[in-house]
Amino acid sequence: MKKRFIILASLISLLSLLLLYLVSVLMIVNENKNKAKEEINIYLEVAASYFDGTNFEETSNIMLGYDDRLRLTFIDLDGKVIYDSTLKYSIENLDNHLNRPEIENPGEVIIRKSDNTKDDMMYISTIDHNIYLRLAFNTSYFTTSTTLYVVVALIAIIIIFSLSLIILYFLSKKMLKPVDKKINELANIADADIIFKADTIDKLPEIIAALKLLINNKISQIKEENIKNDTIIQAIDECLILIKNDIITLVNQKTLNIFKLEEENIIGKNYIYLTRNSLLLDNIYEAIEKRIRKRLTIVIDNKTYDCNIIPFNSSQILISLKDITEREQIEIIKKDFFANASHELKSPLTSIIGYEQMILNGIIDDKEEIKEASLKILKEANRMNQIIIDMLELSNLEFSKTYDLKEENITNLLNDVIKSYQTKINNKNIKLNLNIDNVILNCNKEQLETLFSNLLDNAIKYNKDNGTIDISLTKEYFKIKDSGIGIPKEEQNRVFERFYRVDKAKSKETGGTGLGLAIVKHICEKFGYSVTLESEVDNGTTFIIKFQLIFN
């Protein structure tokens, strides 16, 4: 039996080593060939960069300086060799090269035997300045390393196999007796650190009693481990279902919540009792029957889940469901954002192109008309610029995780913002009513300035001539009220959406991008402020920002 064991183990070891050897040799050969192809492609690009259509010898000398194994040949479009770095004194004797595979397929690496030198060569060519530029080198440079590896690997296999035979021989001599083997198997089950050896039959009761105690302790440990694992499984924020031979054997609390089940009513039942969702049941069936992993997206009670069905042995499968509803909604928002952004940028761009074409084609040739068209182009360009600035600001708010917070005098900050808009305020003859306290706030100055600017800009743009703007600032809130066109009630819950504008014509006329209030909303969400809106059509709009951060 010992001899048969050694022979069988040796054969398995030898076959495993030979298989590893063959696979590694193939991988090395393929890797060397791929590296050679990459190298010759790089050399071809370098040669083409130096070649100007006439400097054959100079280009050849440069390339041989990089690698003296290279062979560089220049061939005209009719297939006649113009210059060859290795046969430069006998090119008249060379036949026409137009039918060479590498000439027929420029850019493709060809490995073949050279018609002139009879060596195995690797070729690649390209057309530069109406001349075929062909590079080649002998394949022996990468077969040498492969041969060396083959020899070294073969020696290593012989050594390893010899050592394995020696080890197997000594192990076979020390095989445990049947009783000792069974006893120590039980000891291993119990994770015992003691090696039991039954010298006489009399010791068996004592050994068995010791093993019984160890096994009972092990059972207690396993129970505790199971409780811990069950606690972890129940705490996982994903649905987990274990099915064995079509029967549900484990579910966590998330599963019970998603499918609205009770554990005692589902454990031990066929998986078809889990849900009526035919898509999920069909994929579970296919995973069980074909023992293949399935991944799909399913919808349960208006929520979207990423579902993984994983067979992990001959009879069991694990199902996990992860709630990706929010992620899907974000993807929809992104798609809508890019669609709206494209539309918003397309309109001014179309106007710019249209006016430019009319000027270039002479449709507009009057000096005043050209000036007017140029002003419109500038206006549309400024509109595009503002859209892009607002888009970048919104993107920065969405993807920046942290901002530096410092104690700032936001009263001074607000006054500076108001001064920057004074010209626009005067142009519409708007009266400002200010009720501003001295406020120090722990905040991000740049973002708060953006918030004030967007709200004040809207209050001016959508106000009436000779209107009013009331601005209040306290430690608790910032309030801005205008006497403008107002917002209909049915549209008030949408004004914070990207690119949403109540009056599109008015927004276009005033240069509005439809992103200002979206930026305000994101700033408030980022820093824990709340924003509320009060408005009536033709009776003005009021925005109130309540500060939630620590202030002095």
Protein backbone atom coordinates (compact mmCIF):
# COMPACT_ATOMS: atom_id res chain seq x y z
CA MET A 1 0.00 0.00 0.00
CA LYS A 2 2.88 2.34 0.86
CA LYS A 3 4.53 1.72 -2.51
CA ARG A 4 1.29 2.34 -4.40
CA PHE A 5 0.73 5.58 -2.43
CA ILE A 6 4.22 6.86 -3.30
CA ILE A 7 3.78 6.01 -7.01
CA LEU A 8 0.36 7.68 -7.20
CA ALA A 9 1.52 10.78 -5.34
CA SER A 10 4.64 10.98 -7.52
CA LEU A 11 2.59 10.78 -10.72
CA ILE A 12 0.25 13.51 -9.55
CA SER A 13 3.20 15.70 -8.57
CA LEU A 14 4.96 15.07 -11.90
CA LEU A 15 1.85 15.78 -13.95
CA SER A 16 1.20 18.98 -11.99
CA LEU A 17 4.78 20.17 -12.50
CA LEU A 18 4.70 19.33 -16.21
CA LEU A 19 1.40 21.15 -16.67
CA LEU A 20 2.79 24.19 -14.84
CA TYR A 21 5.93 23.95 -16.97
CA LEU A 22 4.03 23.85 -20.27
CA VAL A 23 1.71 26.70 -19.32
CA SER A 24 4.57 28.91 -18.11
CA VAL A 25 6.63 28.21 -21.26
CA LEU A 26 3.69 29.18 -23.47
CA MET A 27 3.13 32.33 -21.43
CA ILE A 28 6.82 33.32 -21.61
CA VAL A 29 6.93 32.72 -25.38
CA ASN A 30 3.78 34.77 -25.89
CA GLU A 31 4.99 37.55 -23.55
CA ASN A 32 8.37 37.80 -25.32
CA LYS A 33 6.66 37.90 -28.71
CA ASN A 34 4.27 40.65 -27.56
CA LYS A 35 7.14 42.68 -26.11
CA ALA A 36 9.05 42.31 -29.38
CA LYS A 37 5.98 43.54 -31.31
CA GLU A 38 5.63 46.55 -29.00
CA GLU A 39 9.35 47.29 -29.36
CA ILE A 40 9.37 47.14 -33.17
CA ASN A 41 6.26 49.38 -33.29
CA ILE A 42 8.03 51.96 -31.13
CA TYR A 43 11.16 51.79 -33.30
CA LEU A 44 9.01 52.29 -36.42
CA GLU A 45 7.44 55.42 -34.92
CA VAL A 46 10.90 56.75 -34.00
CA ALA A 47 12.27 56.04 -37.51
CA ALA A 48 9.27 57.75 -39.13
CA SER A 49 9.83 60.81 -36.92
CA TYR A 50 13.42 61.19 -38.20
CA PHE A 51 12.72 60.37 -41.86
CA ASP A 52 12.09 63.38 -44.10
CA GLY A 53 11.78 61.51 -47.41
CA THR A 54 15.46 61.74 -48.46
CA ASN A 55 17.74 61.09 -45.43
CA PHE A 56 17.90 57.30 -45.85
CA GLU A 57 21.39 56.73 -44.50
CA GLU A 58 21.02 59.28 -41.71
CA THR A 59 17.77 57.69 -40.50
CA SER A 60 19.35 54.23 -40.75
CA ASN A 61 22.40 55.29 -38.71
CA ILE A 62 20.18 56.87 -36.05
CA MET A 63 18.10 53.70 -35.68
CA LEU A 64 21.19 51.45 -35.59
CA GLY A 65 22.43 53.72 -32.82
CA TYR A 66 19.31 52.82 -30.86
CA ASP A 67 19.63 49.08 -31.56
CA ASP A 68 22.28 47.53 -33.85
CA ARG A 69 20.05 44.47 -34.39
CA LEU A 70 17.65 46.51 -36.51
CA ARG A 71 17.42 46.30 -40.26
CA LEU A 72 15.94 49.36 -41.99
CA THR A 73 14.75 49.20 -45.61
CA PHE A 74 13.29 51.99 -47.80
CA ILE A 75 11.09 50.82 -50.69
CA ASP A 76 9.33 52.98 -53.27
CA LEU A 77 5.64 52.55 -54.02
CA ASP A 78 6.47 50.29 -56.98
CA GLY A 79 8.26 47.80 -54.70
CA LYS A 80 11.85 48.72 -55.63
CA VAL A 81 14.34 48.80 -52.75
CA ILE A 82 15.88 52.27 -52.46
CA TYR A 83 18.10 51.65 -49.47
CA ASP A 84 18.79 48.79 -47.05
CA SER A 85 20.88 49.19 -43.88
CA THR A 86 22.41 45.71 -44.17
CA LEU A 87 22.57 45.33 -47.99
CA LYS A 88 23.28 48.92 -49.01
CA TYR A 89 25.92 47.94 -51.60
CA SER A 90 23.88 45.22 -53.35
CA ILE A 91 20.33 46.58 -53.49
CA GLU A 92 20.38 46.28 -57.31
CA ASN A 93 20.27 42.50 -56.90
CA LEU A 94 17.18 42.58 -54.66
CA ASP A 95 13.87 41.53 -56.25
CA ASN A 96 10.66 43.54 -56.11
CA HIS A 97 9.26 43.80 -52.53
CA LEU A 98 5.71 44.81 -53.38
CA ASN A 99 4.37 41.32 -52.70
CA ARG A 100 5.99 41.05 -49.25
CA PRO A 101 3.29 40.49 -46.56
CA GLU A 102 4.52 43.40 -44.46
CA ILE A 103 4.33 45.73 -47.51
CA GLU A 104 0.85 44.52 -48.39
CA ASN A 105 -0.26 45.08 -44.78
CA PRO A 106 1.38 48.29 -43.46
CA GLY A 107 1.27 48.63 -39.67
CA GLU A 108 0.85 44.86 -39.10
CA VAL A 109 3.68 42.89 -37.47
CA ILE A 110 4.72 39.95 -39.69
CA ILE A 111 6.98 37.10 -38.60
CA ARG A 112 8.49 35.10 -41.50
CA LYS A 113 11.73 33.84 -43.02
CA SER A 114 13.71 36.49 -44.89
CA ASP A 115 13.87 35.87 -48.66
CA ASN A 116 17.42 37.31 -48.74
CA THR A 117 19.09 36.32 -45.44
CA LYS A 118 16.96 33.17 -44.84
CA ASP A 119 16.71 34.11 -41.13
CA ASP A 120 13.48 34.14 -39.12
CA MET A 121 12.62 37.82 -38.95
CA MET A 122 9.96 40.11 -37.50
CA TYR A 123 8.80 42.83 -39.94
CA ILE A 124 6.63 45.94 -39.81
CA SER A 125 6.20 48.75 -42.33
CA THR A 126 4.54 52.11 -42.83
CA ILE A 127 4.20 54.62 -45.67
CA ASP A 128 5.99 57.91 -45.03
CA HIS A 129 6.61 60.59 -47.67
CA ASN A 130 5.27 58.15 -50.34
CA ILE A 131 7.97 55.61 -49.43
CA TYR A 132 7.59 52.31 -47.63
CA LEU A 133 9.68 52.43 -44.47
CA ARG A 134 10.26 48.86 -43.27
CA LEU A 135 11.85 47.74 -40.00
CA ALA A 136 12.98 44.22 -39.13
CA PHE A 137 15.04 42.29 -36.66
CA ASN A 138 15.99 38.68 -36.10
CA THR A 139 13.57 36.76 -33.87
CA SER A 140 16.45 34.92 -32.27
CA TYR A 141 16.88 37.76 -29.77
CA PHE A 142 13.69 36.80 -27.92
CA THR A 143 13.88 33.03 -28.53
CA THR A 144 17.23 32.98 -26.70
CA SER A 145 15.64 34.13 -23.41
CA THR A 146 12.81 31.63 -23.93
CA THR A 147 15.29 28.79 -24.42
CA LEU A 148 17.14 29.81 -21.26
CA TYR A 149 13.89 29.79 -19.30
CA VAL A 150 12.95 26.37 -20.69
CA VAL A 151 16.27 24.90 -19.58
CA VAL A 152 16.20 26.51 -16.12
CA ALA A 153 12.55 25.54 -15.58
CA LEU A 154 13.23 21.95 -16.63
CA ILE A 155 16.15 21.70 -14.17
CA ALA A 156 13.92 23.17 -11.44
CA ILE A 157 11.20 20.59 -12.18
CA ILE A 158 13.71 17.75 -11.95
CA ILE A 159 14.99 19.07 -8.61
CA ILE A 160 11.48 19.64 -7.21
CA PHE A 161 10.30 16.22 -8.34
CA SER A 162 13.35 14.55 -6.81
CA LEU A 163 12.81 16.36 -3.53
CA SER A 164 9.12 15.40 -3.54
CA LEU A 165 10.03 11.74 -3.97
CA ILE A 166 12.40 11.94 -1.01
CA ILE A 167 9.81 13.71 1.14
CA LEU A 168 7.09 11.21 0.19
CA TYR A 169 9.36 8.33 1.06
CA PHE A 170 10.11 9.64 4.56
CA LEU A 171 6.46 10.63 5.17
CA SER A 172 5.28 7.15 4.21
CA LYS A 173 7.61 5.64 6.79
CA LYS A 174 5.99 7.73 9.54
CA MET A 175 2.35 7.04 8.77
CA LEU A 176 0.27 6.75 11.87
CA LYS A 177 -1.29 3.54 12.96
CA PRO A 178 -5.08 3.32 12.25
CA VAL A 179 -6.12 3.89 15.89
CA ASP A 180 -3.76 6.82 16.40
CA LYS A 181 -4.94 8.31 13.13
CA LYS A 182 -8.64 8.19 14.07
CA ILE A 183 -7.97 9.55 17.55
CA ASN A 184 -5.98 12.48 16.24
CA GLU A 185 -8.60 13.19 13.58
CA LEU A 186 -11.08 13.68 16.41
CA ALA A 187 -8.52 15.81 18.21
CA ASN A 188 -8.13 17.96 15.09
CA ILE A 189 -11.88 18.45 14.92
CA ALA A 190 -11.72 19.77 18.46
CA ASP A 191 -8.67 21.92 17.61
CA ALA A 192 -6.69 20.16 20.35
CA ASP A 193 -3.06 21.18 20.81
CA ILE A 194 -2.26 17.73 22.27
CA ILE A 195 -1.06 14.79 20.14
CA PHE A 196 -2.77 11.65 21.38
CA LYS A 197 -1.00 8.29 21.10
CA ALA A 198 -2.65 5.06 22.14
CA ASP A 199 0.19 2.86 23.32
CA THR A 200 -2.20 0.32 24.88
CA ILE A 201 -5.92 -0.41 24.78
CA ASP A 202 -6.17 0.63 28.44
CA LYS A 203 -5.51 4.24 27.50
CA LEU A 204 -8.48 4.45 25.10
CA PRO A 205 -11.20 5.33 27.72
CA GLU A 206 -9.00 8.09 29.13
CA ILE A 207 -8.24 9.45 25.66
CA ILE A 208 -11.89 9.27 24.58
CA ALA A 209 -13.01 11.11 27.75
CA ALA A 210 -10.47 13.86 27.05
CA LEU A 211 -11.61 14.08 23.43
CA LYS A 212 -15.27 14.26 24.52
CA LEU A 213 -14.49 17.25 26.72
CA LEU A 214 -12.57 18.95 23.91
CA ILE A 215 -15.35 18.30 21.39
CA ASN A 216 -18.01 19.68 23.78
CA ASN A 217 -15.91 22.82 24.21
CA LYS A 218 -15.59 23.06 20.43
CA ILE A 219 -19.36 22.72 20.01
CA SER A 220 -19.85 25.59 22.47
CA GLN A 221 -17.36 27.72 20.53
CA ILE A 222 -19.15 26.94 17.26
CA LYS A 223 -22.50 27.93 18.79
CA GLU A 224 -21.01 31.22 19.97
CA GLU A 225 -19.47 31.78 16.53
CA ASN A 226 -22.81 31.05 14.88
CA ILE A 227 -24.52 33.59 17.12
CA LYS A 228 -21.86 36.16 16.24
CA ASN A 229 -22.14 35.40 12.51
CA ASP A 230 -25.91 35.58 12.68
CA THR A 231 -25.66 38.98 14.39
CA ILE A 232 -23.33 40.19 11.63
CA ILE A 233 -25.61 38.83 8.88
CA GLN A 234 -28.64 40.51 10.43
CA ALA A 235 -26.74 43.80 10.66
CA ILE A 236 -25.70 43.79 7.00
CA ASP A 237 -27.61 46.45 5.10
CA GLU A 238 -28.23 44.10 2.18
CA CYS A 239 -30.76 41.38 1.58
CA LEU A 240 -29.11 37.94 2.02
CA ILE A 241 -30.81 34.64 1.17
CA LEU A 242 -29.26 31.17 1.32
CA ILE A 243 -30.93 28.38 -0.66
CA LYS A 244 -29.94 24.71 -0.44
CA ASN A 245 -31.55 22.12 -2.72
CA ASP A 246 -34.29 24.63 -3.62
CA ILE A 247 -35.09 25.22 0.09
CA ILE A 248 -34.55 28.55 1.86
CA THR A 249 -32.21 27.92 4.80
CA LEU A 250 -31.19 31.44 5.85
CA VAL A 251 -32.51 34.99 5.51
CA ASN A 252 -31.61 38.19 7.31
CA GLN A 253 -33.87 40.92 8.63
CA LYS A 254 -33.37 43.06 5.52
CA THR A 255 -34.81 40.23 3.42
CA LEU A 256 -37.87 39.96 5.65
CA ASN A 257 -38.41 43.72 5.38
CA ILE A 258 -38.05 43.83 1.59
CA PHE A 259 -40.33 40.88 0.86
CA LYS A 260 -42.66 41.53 3.85
CA LEU A 261 -42.17 38.05 5.30
CA GLU A 262 -41.92 36.37 8.69
CA GLU A 263 -38.84 34.19 9.30
CA GLU A 264 -40.82 31.24 10.65
CA ASN A 265 -43.05 31.30 7.56
CA ILE A 266 -40.23 31.20 4.98
CA ILE A 267 -37.33 29.17 6.45
CA GLY A 268 -37.53 25.57 5.24
CA LYS A 269 -39.81 26.37 2.29
CA ASN A 270 -39.19 26.25 -1.44
CA TYR A 271 -37.77 29.47 -2.88
CA ILE A 272 -40.91 30.03 -4.98
CA TYR A 273 -42.62 31.18 -1.76
CA LEU A 274 -40.12 34.05 -1.51
CA THR A 275 -41.75 36.39 -4.04
CA ARG A 276 -44.08 36.66 -7.01
CA ASN A 277 -41.46 38.52 -9.02
CA SER A 278 -41.15 36.27 -12.07
CA LEU A 279 -37.87 37.84 -13.21
CA LEU A 280 -36.15 37.00 -9.90
CA LEU A 281 -37.64 33.48 -9.73
CA ASP A 282 -36.62 32.70 -13.34
CA ASN A 283 -33.03 33.77 -12.66
CA ILE A 284 -32.87 31.77 -9.42
CA TYR A 285 -34.08 28.70 -11.33
CA GLU A 286 -31.48 29.21 -14.06
CA ALA A 287 -28.69 29.70 -11.51
CA ILE A 288 -29.66 26.47 -9.74
CA GLU A 289 -30.06 24.41 -12.91
CA LYS A 290 -26.98 25.64 -14.77
CA ARG A 291 -24.80 26.45 -11.71
CA ILE A 292 -23.98 29.85 -13.15
CA ARG A 293 -23.76 33.24 -11.51
CA LYS A 294 -26.56 35.67 -12.39
CA ARG A 295 -26.67 39.42 -11.94
CA LEU A 296 -29.70 41.54 -12.67
CA THR A 297 -31.59 44.65 -11.67
CA ILE A 298 -35.08 44.16 -10.26
CA VAL A 299 -37.78 46.49 -8.96
CA ILE A 300 -39.71 45.62 -5.78
CA ASP A 301 -42.28 48.06 -4.35
CA ASN A 302 -40.94 50.94 -6.50
CA LYS A 303 -37.39 50.39 -5.26
CA THR A 304 -34.53 49.27 -7.51
CA TYR A 305 -32.16 46.53 -6.38
CA ASP A 306 -28.89 45.16 -7.71
CA CYS A 307 -29.34 41.39 -7.41
CA ASN A 308 -26.51 38.83 -7.34
CA ILE A 309 -27.27 35.09 -7.46
CA ILE A 310 -24.13 33.07 -6.71
CA PRO A 311 -23.85 29.25 -6.71
CA PHE A 312 -21.00 28.32 -4.36
CA ASN A 313 -21.17 24.55 -4.20
CA SER A 314 -23.12 21.71 -5.76
CA SER A 315 -26.33 22.37 -3.84
CA GLN A 316 -26.34 25.92 -2.46
CA ILE A 317 -26.78 29.41 -3.86
CA LEU A 318 -26.49 32.79 -2.16
CA ILE A 319 -28.73 35.69 -3.19
CA SER A 320 -27.92 39.28 -2.29
CA LEU A 321 -30.01 42.38 -3.04
CA LYS A 322 -28.56 45.87 -2.69
CA ASP A 323 -30.80 48.92 -2.77
CA ILE A 324 -29.57 51.13 -5.64
CA THR A 325 -32.67 53.31 -5.89
CA GLU A 326 -30.78 56.45 -4.92
CA ARG A 327 -27.95 55.64 -7.31
CA GLU A 328 -30.41 55.09 -10.15
CA GLN A 329 -32.11 58.39 -9.35
CA ILE A 330 -28.72 60.12 -9.38
CA GLU A 331 -27.99 58.60 -12.79
CA ILE A 332 -31.33 59.91 -14.09
CA ILE A 333 -30.54 63.35 -12.68
CA LYS A 334 -27.12 63.26 -14.36
CA LYS A 335 -28.62 62.29 -17.70
CA ASP A 336 -31.22 65.06 -17.41
CA PHE A 337 -28.49 67.49 -16.39
CA PHE A 338 -26.33 66.76 -19.42
CA ALA A 339 -29.34 66.80 -21.75
CA ASN A 340 -30.43 70.17 -20.37
CA ALA A 341 -26.87 71.51 -20.41
CA SER A 342 -26.49 70.50 -24.06
CA HIS A 343 -29.77 72.19 -24.92
CA GLU A 344 -28.92 75.35 -22.99
CA LEU A 345 -25.50 75.66 -24.62
CA LYS A 346 -26.82 74.81 -28.07
CA SER A 347 -29.14 77.84 -28.27
CA PRO A 348 -26.51 80.60 -27.76
CA LEU A 349 -23.99 78.65 -29.84
CA THR A 350 -26.48 78.42 -32.71
CA SER A 351 -27.06 82.18 -32.52
CA ILE A 352 -23.32 82.90 -32.49
CA ILE A 353 -22.68 80.66 -35.50
CA GLY A 354 -25.68 82.12 -37.34
CA TYR A 355 -24.59 85.74 -36.91
CA GLU A 356 -20.98 84.89 -37.80
CA GLN A 357 -22.07 83.12 -41.00
CA MET A 358 -24.25 86.07 -42.00
CA ILE A 359 -21.31 88.44 -41.49
CA LEU A 360 -18.86 86.20 -43.36
CA ASN A 361 -21.27 85.59 -46.26
CA GLY A 362 -22.01 89.29 -46.61
CA ILE A 363 -25.69 88.95 -45.69
CA ILE A 364 -25.01 91.59 -43.04
CA ASP A 365 -22.71 94.24 -44.54
CA ASP A 366 -23.91 97.48 -43.07
CA LYS A 367 -21.55 98.81 -40.41
CA GLU A 368 -24.31 99.38 -37.87
CA GLU A 369 -25.86 95.96 -38.55
CA ILE A 370 -22.44 94.31 -38.11
CA LYS A 371 -21.99 96.17 -34.85
CA GLU A 372 -25.46 95.09 -33.67
CA ALA A 373 -24.76 91.46 -34.68
CA SER A 374 -21.41 91.58 -32.88
CA LEU A 375 -23.12 92.83 -29.73
CA LYS A 376 -25.60 89.93 -29.95
CA ILE A 377 -22.72 87.47 -30.46
CA LEU A 378 -20.98 88.91 -27.40
CA LYS A 379 -24.20 88.68 -25.39
CA GLU A 380 -24.72 85.01 -26.35
CA ALA A 381 -21.05 84.23 -25.65
CA ASN A 382 -21.35 85.84 -22.21
CA ARG A 383 -24.49 83.76 -21.63
CA MET A 384 -22.62 80.58 -22.55
CA ASN A 385 -19.76 81.60 -20.29
CA GLN A 386 -22.13 82.18 -17.37
CA ILE A 387 -23.83 78.80 -17.95
CA ILE A 388 -20.44 77.05 -17.87
CA ILE A 389 -19.38 78.96 -14.73
CA ASP A 390 -22.62 77.99 -12.99
CA MET A 391 -22.27 74.37 -14.14
CA LEU A 392 -18.74 74.20 -12.74
CA GLU A 393 -19.88 75.77 -9.49
CA LEU A 394 -22.72 73.25 -9.20
CA SER A 395 -20.38 70.34 -10.00
CA ASN A 396 -17.90 71.57 -7.41
CA LEU A 397 -20.64 71.68 -4.79
CA GLU A 398 -21.81 68.16 -5.62
CA PHE A 399 -18.40 66.48 -5.65
CA SER A 400 -16.38 68.44 -3.07
CA LYS A 401 -16.66 66.64 0.25
CA THR A 402 -15.20 69.24 2.58
CA TYR A 403 -14.82 73.01 2.74
CA ASP A 404 -12.71 75.17 5.05
CA LEU A 405 -14.88 76.89 7.65
CA LYS A 406 -13.76 80.09 9.35
CA GLU A 407 -15.37 82.77 11.46
CA GLU A 408 -16.34 85.53 9.03
CA ASN A 409 -18.09 88.87 9.35
CA ILE A 410 -20.92 88.11 6.94
CA THR A 411 -22.35 91.60 7.38
CA ASN A 412 -19.32 93.01 5.56
CA LEU A 413 -19.57 90.19 3.05
CA LEU A 414 -23.23 90.99 2.30
CA ASN A 415 -22.48 94.72 1.99
CA ASP A 416 -19.71 93.96 -0.52
CA VAL A 417 -22.12 91.84 -2.58
CA ILE A 418 -24.74 94.62 -2.56
CA LYS A 419 -22.10 97.17 -3.70
CA SER A 420 -21.10 94.93 -6.61
CA TYR A 421 -24.73 94.97 -7.85
CA GLN A 422 -25.31 98.69 -7.25
CA THR A 423 -25.12 99.57 -10.98
CA LYS A 424 -27.80 97.01 -11.87
CA ILE A 425 -29.94 98.23 -8.98
CA ASN A 426 -29.62 101.85 -10.16
CA ASN A 427 -30.38 100.92 -13.79
CA LYS A 428 -33.82 99.61 -12.75
CA ASN A 429 -34.28 102.38 -10.16
CA ILE A 430 -34.85 99.78 -7.42
CA LYS A 431 -35.13 100.95 -3.82
CA LEU A 432 -33.16 98.93 -1.26
CA ASN A 433 -34.48 98.54 2.29
CA LEU A 434 -31.75 97.10 4.54
CA ASN A 435 -32.17 95.69 8.03
CA ILE A 436 -28.74 94.15 8.66
CA ASP A 437 -27.28 93.19 12.05
CA ASN A 438 -23.58 92.70 12.69
CA VAL A 439 -23.19 88.93 12.33
CA ILE A 440 -20.11 86.72 12.77
CA LEU A 441 -20.69 83.24 11.33
CA ASN A 442 -18.52 80.11 11.17
CA CYS A 443 -18.83 79.49 7.43
CA ASN A 444 -17.14 79.18 4.05
CA LYS A 445 -16.84 82.74 2.76
CA GLU A 446 -16.77 81.93 -0.97
CA GLN A 447 -19.86 79.74 -0.89
CA LEU A 448 -21.84 82.18 1.25
CA GLU A 449 -20.89 84.99 -1.14
CA THR A 450 -22.19 82.85 -4.04
CA LEU A 451 -25.46 82.28 -2.16
CA PHE A 452 -25.97 86.02 -1.49
CA SER A 453 -25.03 86.91 -5.10
CA ASN A 454 -27.43 84.45 -6.72
CA LEU A 455 -30.38 85.49 -4.59
CA LEU A 456 -29.69 89.23 -5.06
CA ASP A 457 -29.13 88.76 -8.82
CA ASN A 458 -32.52 87.02 -9.14
CA ALA A 459 -34.22 89.72 -7.06
CA ILE A 460 -32.90 92.34 -9.50
CA LYS A 461 -33.47 90.43 -12.76
CA TYR A 462 -37.07 89.50 -12.06
CA ASN A 463 -38.04 92.75 -10.34
CA LYS A 464 -40.04 95.57 -11.84
CA ASP A 465 -38.63 98.97 -12.70
CA ASN A 466 -38.96 101.32 -9.71
CA GLY A 467 -39.48 98.24 -7.51
CA THR A 468 -38.15 97.42 -4.05
CA ILE A 469 -35.85 94.85 -2.46
CA ASP A 470 -35.96 94.23 1.30
CA ILE A 471 -32.89 92.54 2.79
CA SER A 472 -32.65 91.34 6.41
CA LEU A 473 -29.71 89.65 8.14
CA THR A 474 -29.59 88.30 11.70
CA LYS A 475 -27.66 85.54 13.47
CA GLU A 476 -30.53 83.18 12.72
CA TYR A 477 -31.43 83.93 9.11
CA PHE A 478 -30.92 85.86 5.86
CA LYS A 479 -34.09 87.14 4.16
CA ILE A 480 -34.49 88.79 0.75
CA LYS A 481 -37.83 90.00 -0.61
CA ASP A 482 -38.50 91.60 -4.01
CA SER A 483 -41.50 93.22 -5.65
CA GLY A 484 -41.06 91.35 -8.92
CA ILE A 485 -43.09 89.08 -11.19
CA GLY A 486 -43.46 86.31 -8.61
CA ILE A 487 -43.67 82.53 -9.09
CA PRO A 488 -46.90 80.55 -9.62
CA LYS A 489 -47.66 78.15 -6.74
CA GLU A 490 -47.69 75.11 -9.02
CA GLU A 491 -44.11 75.86 -10.08
CA GLN A 492 -42.59 76.85 -6.73
CA ASN A 493 -41.48 73.27 -5.91
CA ARG A 494 -39.52 73.11 -9.18
CA VAL A 495 -37.55 76.36 -9.19
CA PHE A 496 -34.58 74.69 -7.45
CA GLU A 497 -34.19 72.17 -10.28
CA ARG A 498 -31.27 72.56 -12.69
CA PHE A 499 -32.10 74.69 -15.74
CA TYR A 500 -35.73 75.15 -14.65
CA ARG A 501 -37.03 78.64 -15.35
CA VAL A 502 -40.53 79.93 -14.75
CA ASP A 503 -40.39 82.47 -17.57
CA LYS A 504 -37.96 81.16 -20.19
CA ALA A 505 -38.28 84.24 -22.41
CA LYS A 506 -37.60 86.57 -19.47
CA SER A 507 -34.62 84.43 -18.36
CA LYS A 508 -33.10 84.50 -21.84
CA GLU A 509 -33.61 88.25 -22.06
CA THR A 510 -31.91 88.84 -18.70
CA GLY A 511 -29.15 86.28 -19.26
CA GLY A 512 -30.41 83.80 -16.68
CA THR A 513 -28.92 80.30 -16.78
CA GLY A 514 -31.52 78.42 -14.74
CA LEU A 515 -28.80 77.23 -12.35
CA GLY A 516 -28.73 80.00 -9.75
CA LEU A 517 -31.35 78.55 -7.39
CA ALA A 518 -29.99 75.01 -7.89
CA ILE A 519 -26.63 76.35 -6.66
CA VAL A 520 -28.36 78.04 -3.70
CA LYS A 521 -30.07 74.75 -2.79
CA HIS A 522 -26.81 72.76 -2.96
CA ILE A 523 -24.97 75.33 -0.82
CA CYS A 524 -27.71 75.09 1.80
CA GLU A 525 -27.60 71.28 1.75
CA LYS A 526 -23.80 71.27 1.95
CA PHE A 527 -23.62 73.53 5.03
CA GLY A 528 -26.80 72.55 6.85
CA TYR A 529 -28.84 75.67 6.06
CA SER A 530 -32.55 75.55 5.27
CA VAL A 531 -34.14 77.51 2.41
CA THR A 532 -37.82 78.43 2.12
CA LEU A 533 -39.73 80.24 -0.59
CA GLU A 534 -42.81 82.45 -0.43
CA SER A 535 -44.22 84.00 -3.60
CA GLU A 536 -47.33 85.28 -5.39
CA VAL A 537 -47.68 86.10 -9.06
CA ASP A 538 -47.11 89.86 -9.69
CA ASN A 539 -46.61 90.33 -5.95
CA GLY A 540 -42.94 89.47 -5.45
CA THR A 541 -40.90 86.62 -4.02
CA THR A 542 -39.25 86.05 -0.64
CA PHE A 543 -36.37 83.67 0.10
CA ILE A 544 -35.39 82.86 3.70
CA ILE A 545 -32.11 81.12 4.54
CA LYS A 546 -31.91 79.83 8.13
CA PHE A 547 -28.38 79.25 9.47
CA GLN A 548 -27.84 76.02 11.39
CA LEU A 549 -24.08 76.25 11.96
CA ILE A 550 -22.38 77.46 15.15
CA PHE A 551 -22.26 81.23 15.28
CA ASN A 552 -20.99 83.83 17.73
